[in-house]
Amino acid sequence: MTNRPIKQFQSGAMQGAIWLNGKEKEGEKIEYKTASLRRSWKEKETGQWRNEILNLKKSDIPRALVILNKLQEELLLTKAGEDNE
């Protein structure tokens, strides 16, 4: 197995990748896929590139999508400066 993604997607500063992983279980080699999300940005002060990476198992993706949809809904439906308390 290589340390390179088997598939990549990008939109602006966000990148998604699918990785092929492996492990041994009961003497048998098992392959499985995981995903990662990466956001890159360049620091204004230093000019250095930074990355945030979130690694996800297949079962994490539906939960992440639900949370992201709720966040998007809240941000789009709430007026700027409005407090929900």
N, C-alpha and C. Protein backbone atom coordinates (compact mmCIF):
# COMPACT_ATOMS: atom_id res chain seq x y z
N MET A 1 0.83 -1.18 0.00
CA MET A 1 0.00 0.00 0.00
C MET A 1 0.87 1.24 0.00
N THR A 2 0.42 2.22 -0.71
CA THR A 2 1.17 3.47 -0.78
C THR A 2 0.60 4.47 0.21
N ASN A 3 1.36 5.50 0.45
CA ASN A 3 0.92 6.56 1.35
C ASN A 3 0.31 7.71 0.55
N ARG A 4 -0.37 7.38 -0.53
CA ARG A 4 -1.01 8.37 -1.39
C ARG A 4 -2.50 8.06 -1.48
N PRO A 5 -3.32 9.09 -1.59
CA PRO A 5 -4.76 8.83 -1.71
C PRO A 5 -5.09 8.13 -3.02
N ILE A 6 -6.14 7.32 -3.00
CA ILE A 6 -6.56 6.64 -4.23
C ILE A 6 -7.51 7.52 -5.04
N LYS A 7 -8.07 8.55 -4.40
CA LYS A 7 -8.94 9.49 -5.10
C LYS A 7 -8.95 10.80 -4.33
N GLN A 8 -9.00 11.93 -5.07
CA GLN A 8 -9.03 13.24 -4.44
C GLN A 8 -10.06 14.14 -5.09
N PHE A 9 -10.61 15.05 -4.28
CA PHE A 9 -11.56 16.06 -4.75
C PHE A 9 -11.16 17.38 -4.12
N GLN A 10 -11.36 18.48 -4.85
CA GLN A 10 -10.98 19.77 -4.30
C GLN A 10 -11.98 20.84 -4.70
N SER A 11 -12.24 21.75 -3.76
CA SER A 11 -13.06 22.92 -4.00
C SER A 11 -12.45 24.07 -3.22
N GLY A 12 -11.81 24.97 -3.92
CA GLY A 12 -11.13 26.08 -3.25
C GLY A 12 -10.04 25.57 -2.33
N ALA A 13 -10.08 26.01 -1.09
CA ALA A 13 -9.06 25.62 -0.11
C ALA A 13 -9.38 24.30 0.59
N MET A 14 -10.50 23.67 0.23
CA MET A 14 -10.89 22.39 0.85
C MET A 14 -10.55 21.24 -0.09
N GLN A 15 -10.01 20.18 0.49
CA GLN A 15 -9.68 19.00 -0.29
C GLN A 15 -10.15 17.77 0.46
N GLY A 16 -10.71 16.83 -0.28
CA GLY A 16 -11.12 15.55 0.28
C GLY A 16 -10.33 14.45 -0.40
N ALA A 17 -10.01 13.41 0.36
CA ALA A 17 -9.25 12.29 -0.20
C ALA A 17 -9.76 10.98 0.36
N ILE A 18 -9.63 9.93 -0.45
CA ILE A 18 -9.95 8.56 -0.03
C ILE A 18 -8.65 7.79 0.03
N TRP A 19 -8.45 7.08 1.14
CA TRP A 19 -7.22 6.35 1.41
C TRP A 19 -7.50 4.86 1.52
N LEU A 20 -6.59 4.04 1.02
CA LEU A 20 -6.67 2.59 1.18
C LEU A 20 -5.76 2.21 2.35
N ASN A 21 -6.34 1.58 3.36
CA ASN A 21 -5.60 1.18 4.55
C ASN A 21 -5.64 -0.33 4.70
N GLY A 22 -4.79 -0.85 5.55
CA GLY A 22 -4.77 -2.29 5.79
C GLY A 22 -4.36 -2.62 7.20
N LYS A 23 -4.81 -3.77 7.64
CA LYS A 23 -4.40 -4.28 8.94
C LYS A 23 -4.55 -5.80 8.93
N GLU A 24 -3.91 -6.43 9.90
CA GLU A 24 -4.04 -7.88 10.04
C GLU A 24 -5.02 -8.19 11.14
N LYS A 25 -5.93 -9.09 10.85
CA LYS A 25 -6.91 -9.53 11.84
C LYS A 25 -7.00 -11.04 11.78
N GLU A 26 -6.67 -11.67 12.88
CA GLU A 26 -6.68 -13.13 12.98
C GLU A 26 -5.83 -13.76 11.89
N GLY A 27 -4.66 -13.16 11.64
CA GLY A 27 -3.71 -13.68 10.66
C GLY A 27 -4.06 -13.39 9.22
N GLU A 28 -5.13 -12.66 8.99
CA GLU A 28 -5.56 -12.35 7.63
C GLU A 28 -5.44 -10.85 7.38
N LYS A 29 -4.92 -10.48 6.20
CA LYS A 29 -4.78 -9.08 5.85
C LYS A 29 -6.12 -8.53 5.36
N ILE A 30 -6.54 -7.43 5.97
CA ILE A 30 -7.82 -6.80 5.62
C ILE A 30 -7.54 -5.40 5.11
N GLU A 31 -8.15 -5.05 3.99
CA GLU A 31 -8.03 -3.70 3.44
C GLU A 31 -9.35 -2.97 3.66
N TYR A 32 -9.25 -1.68 3.96
CA TYR A 32 -10.43 -0.85 4.16
C TYR A 32 -10.09 0.58 3.74
N LYS A 33 -11.12 1.36 3.47
CA LYS A 33 -10.93 2.74 3.02
C LYS A 33 -11.33 3.71 4.13
N THR A 34 -10.63 4.84 4.17
CA THR A 34 -10.99 5.95 5.04
C THR A 34 -10.96 7.22 4.20
N ALA A 35 -11.46 8.29 4.78
CA ALA A 35 -11.50 9.57 4.08
C ALA A 35 -10.85 10.64 4.94
N SER A 36 -10.38 11.69 4.30
CA SER A 36 -9.85 12.83 5.03
C SER A 36 -10.33 14.12 4.38
N LEU A 37 -10.55 15.12 5.21
CA LEU A 37 -10.87 16.47 4.75
C LEU A 37 -9.72 17.37 5.18
N ARG A 38 -9.27 18.22 4.27
CA ARG A 38 -8.16 19.12 4.60
C ARG A 38 -8.52 20.53 4.16
N ARG A 39 -8.25 21.47 5.05
CA ARG A 39 -8.41 22.89 4.73
C ARG A 39 -7.05 23.54 4.84
N SER A 40 -6.64 24.24 3.80
CA SER A 40 -5.33 24.89 3.77
C SER A 40 -5.49 26.40 3.74
N TRP A 41 -4.56 27.09 4.36
CA TRP A 41 -4.53 28.54 4.32
C TRP A 41 -3.12 29.04 4.55
N LYS A 42 -2.88 30.26 4.13
CA LYS A 42 -1.57 30.87 4.28
C LYS A 42 -1.66 31.96 5.34
N GLU A 43 -0.81 31.87 6.35
CA GLU A 43 -0.80 32.87 7.41
C GLU A 43 -0.27 34.19 6.88
N LYS A 44 -1.02 35.26 7.12
CA LYS A 44 -0.63 36.57 6.62
C LYS A 44 0.67 37.06 7.26
N GLU A 45 0.82 36.80 8.57
CA GLU A 45 1.99 37.31 9.28
C GLU A 45 3.29 36.66 8.84
N THR A 46 3.26 35.34 8.67
CA THR A 46 4.50 34.60 8.39
C THR A 46 4.62 34.16 6.94
N GLY A 47 3.51 34.14 6.21
CA GLY A 47 3.53 33.64 4.85
C GLY A 47 3.62 32.13 4.77
N GLN A 48 3.50 31.44 5.91
CA GLN A 48 3.61 29.98 5.97
C GLN A 48 2.25 29.33 5.73
N TRP A 49 2.28 28.25 4.94
CA TRP A 49 1.05 27.49 4.68
C TRP A 49 0.73 26.60 5.86
N ARG A 50 -0.55 26.52 6.21
CA ARG A 50 -1.04 25.69 7.31
C ARG A 50 -2.13 24.77 6.79
N ASN A 51 -2.33 23.65 7.49
CA ASN A 51 -3.37 22.69 7.15
C ASN A 51 -4.10 22.23 8.40
N GLU A 52 -5.39 22.02 8.26
CA GLU A 52 -6.19 21.32 9.26
C GLU A 52 -6.69 20.06 8.58
N ILE A 53 -6.54 18.93 9.24
CA ILE A 53 -6.95 17.66 8.63
C ILE A 53 -7.88 16.93 9.57
N LEU A 54 -8.99 16.42 9.03
CA LEU A 54 -9.94 15.61 9.76
C LEU A 54 -10.00 14.25 9.07
N ASN A 55 -9.64 13.20 9.80
CA ASN A 55 -9.69 11.83 9.27
C ASN A 55 -11.00 11.18 9.68
N LEU A 56 -11.65 10.53 8.72
CA LEU A 56 -12.97 9.95 8.94
C LEU A 56 -13.03 8.49 8.52
N LYS A 57 -13.73 7.69 9.31
CA LYS A 57 -14.07 6.33 8.90
C LYS A 57 -15.34 6.42 8.06
N LYS A 58 -15.63 5.37 7.34
CA LYS A 58 -16.82 5.35 6.49
C LYS A 58 -18.08 5.66 7.30
N SER A 59 -18.17 5.13 8.51
CA SER A 59 -19.36 5.34 9.34
C SER A 59 -19.45 6.76 9.90
N ASP A 60 -18.36 7.52 9.88
CA ASP A 60 -18.37 8.91 10.36
C ASP A 60 -19.00 9.87 9.36
N ILE A 61 -18.93 9.55 8.07
CA ILE A 61 -19.34 10.49 7.02
C ILE A 61 -20.82 10.87 7.10
N PRO A 62 -21.77 9.94 7.26
CA PRO A 62 -23.17 10.36 7.37
C PRO A 62 -23.41 11.28 8.57
N ARG A 63 -22.76 11.00 9.69
CA ARG A 63 -22.92 11.85 10.88
C ARG A 63 -22.34 13.25 10.62
N ALA A 64 -21.20 13.29 9.97
CA ALA A 64 -20.57 14.59 9.65
C ALA A 64 -21.46 15.38 8.70
N LEU A 65 -22.07 14.71 7.73
CA LEU A 65 -22.97 15.40 6.80
C LEU A 65 -24.18 15.99 7.51
N VAL A 66 -24.75 15.25 8.44
CA VAL A 66 -25.89 15.76 9.20
C VAL A 66 -25.49 17.02 9.97
N ILE A 67 -24.34 16.96 10.64
CA ILE A 67 -23.87 18.11 11.41
C ILE A 67 -23.58 19.29 10.49
N LEU A 68 -22.90 19.06 9.39
CA LEU A 68 -22.59 20.14 8.46
C LEU A 68 -23.86 20.77 7.88
N ASN A 69 -24.86 19.96 7.56
CA ASN A 69 -26.12 20.49 7.06
C ASN A 69 -26.82 21.35 8.10
N LYS A 70 -26.80 20.91 9.36
CA LYS A 70 -27.40 21.69 10.44
C LYS A 70 -26.66 23.01 10.63
N LEU A 71 -25.34 22.97 10.57
CA LEU A 71 -24.55 24.20 10.69
C LEU A 71 -24.86 25.16 9.55
N GLN A 72 -24.93 24.63 8.34
CA GLN A 72 -25.24 25.47 7.18
C GLN A 72 -26.63 26.07 7.32
N GLU A 73 -27.59 25.27 7.73
CA GLU A 73 -28.96 25.74 7.91
C GLU A 73 -29.00 26.88 8.94
N GLU A 74 -28.35 26.70 10.05
CA GLU A 74 -28.33 27.71 11.10
C GLU A 74 -27.67 29.00 10.61
N LEU A 75 -26.56 28.88 9.92
CA LEU A 75 -25.85 30.06 9.44
C LEU A 75 -26.63 30.81 8.36
N LEU A 76 -27.34 30.08 7.52
CA LEU A 76 -28.09 30.71 6.44
C LEU A 76 -29.42 31.31 6.90
N LEU A 77 -30.02 30.71 7.92
CA LEU A 77 -31.34 31.16 8.37
C LEU A 77 -31.29 32.17 9.51
N THR A 78 -30.14 32.34 10.12
CA THR A 78 -30.00 33.28 11.22
C THR A 78 -29.42 34.58 10.69
N LYS A 79 -30.05 35.68 11.03
CA LYS A 79 -29.56 36.98 10.60
C LYS A 79 -28.24 37.30 11.30
N ALA A 80 -27.36 38.00 10.63
CA ALA A 80 -26.08 38.38 11.20
C ALA A 80 -26.32 39.17 12.48
N GLY A 81 -25.60 38.81 13.55
CA GLY A 81 -25.70 39.51 14.82
C GLY A 81 -26.87 39.06 15.68
N GLU A 82 -27.73 38.18 15.15
CA GLU A 82 -28.87 37.69 15.93
C GLU A 82 -28.40 36.69 16.95
N ASP A 83 -28.90 36.77 18.15
CA ASP A 83 -28.52 35.87 19.23
C ASP A 83 -29.67 34.94 19.50
N ASN A 84 -29.42 33.63 19.62
CA ASN A 84 -30.49 32.66 19.80
C ASN A 84 -30.74 32.30 21.27
N GLU A 85 -30.36 33.13 22.21
CA GLU A 85 -30.57 32.79 23.62
C GLU A 85 -31.93 33.16 24.10
